[in-house]
Amino acid sequence: MTKQVPGFEEEPGVFDIADTETDEQATREGEADFEAGRVVSHEAVVRWLRSWGAPNKLPRPRCGE
């Protein structure tokens, strides 16, 4: 357990502060992208990540792959 020093209370981190409006907007945008087909398949991302560090690194996958 860490002892608190008076006058030096720990400040909340960036992810400790709720921003419901921004979270809801990001969710709406993500759902709209999904509905419009602006997605990249899991398989395409896995292929890309597995190519990292290889002699022939693949380009970043694009929507629809």
Protein backbone atom coordinates (compact mmCIF):
# COMPACT_ATOMS: atom_id res chain seq x y z
CA MET A 1 0.00 0.00 0.00
CA THR A 2 1.34 3.43 -0.95
CA LYS A 3 1.26 6.17 1.66
CA GLN A 4 -0.25 9.44 0.45
CA VAL A 5 1.84 12.54 1.09
CA PRO A 6 -0.31 15.58 1.93
CA GLY A 7 -0.38 18.02 -1.00
CA PHE A 8 0.75 15.34 -3.47
CA GLU A 9 -2.44 13.41 -4.14
CA GLU A 10 -2.41 11.26 -7.26
CA GLU A 11 -4.12 12.88 -10.23
CA PRO A 12 -6.52 10.80 -12.30
CA GLY A 13 -5.12 9.35 -15.52
CA VAL A 14 -6.50 10.17 -18.94
CA PHE A 15 -8.56 6.95 -18.95
CA ASP A 16 -9.88 7.53 -15.43
CA ILE A 17 -12.00 10.50 -16.52
CA ALA A 18 -15.33 9.51 -18.07
CA ASP A 19 -16.23 11.25 -21.33
CA THR A 20 -19.56 9.68 -22.14
CA GLU A 21 -20.38 12.02 -25.03
CA THR A 22 -17.11 11.29 -26.83
CA ASP A 23 -17.44 7.55 -26.17
CA GLU A 24 -20.97 7.49 -27.58
CA GLN A 25 -19.91 9.49 -30.67
CA ALA A 26 -17.03 7.08 -31.32
CA THR A 27 -19.44 4.14 -30.99
CA ARG A 28 -21.87 5.71 -33.48
CA GLU A 29 -19.03 6.35 -35.95
CA GLY A 30 -17.76 2.78 -35.61
CA GLU A 31 -21.22 1.33 -36.14
CA ALA A 32 -21.71 3.53 -39.22
CA ASP A 33 -18.35 2.38 -40.63
CA PHE A 34 -19.34 -1.25 -40.05
CA GLU A 35 -22.75 -0.80 -41.69
CA ALA A 36 -21.10 0.89 -44.69
CA GLY A 37 -18.58 -1.93 -45.05
CA ARG A 38 -15.59 0.21 -44.05
CA VAL A 39 -13.89 -2.65 -42.24
CA VAL A 40 -10.78 -4.80 -42.52
CA SER A 41 -11.06 -8.54 -41.91
CA HIS A 42 -9.32 -10.15 -38.98
CA GLU A 43 -7.50 -12.45 -41.39
CA ALA A 44 -6.07 -9.51 -43.35
CA VAL A 45 -4.80 -7.88 -40.16
CA VAL A 46 -3.23 -11.14 -38.99
CA ARG A 47 -1.42 -11.59 -42.34
CA TRP A 48 -0.13 -8.02 -42.11
CA LEU A 49 1.06 -8.37 -38.50
CA ARG A 50 2.76 -11.69 -39.21
CA SER A 51 4.72 -10.03 -42.01
CA TRP A 52 6.31 -7.54 -39.60
CA GLY A 53 10.01 -8.27 -39.27
CA ALA A 54 9.95 -10.43 -42.40
CA PRO A 55 12.01 -9.56 -45.47
CA ASN A 56 8.84 -8.75 -47.46
CA LYS A 57 6.62 -6.82 -45.05
CA LEU A 58 3.08 -6.49 -46.41
CA PRO A 59 1.45 -3.08 -46.82
CA ARG A 60 -1.24 -2.04 -44.35
CA PRO A 61 -4.56 -3.72 -45.21
CA ARG A 62 -7.29 -1.58 -46.72
CA CYS A 63 -11.03 -1.52 -46.18
CA GLY A 64 -12.72 -4.49 -47.77
CA GLU A 65 -9.76 -6.87 -47.43
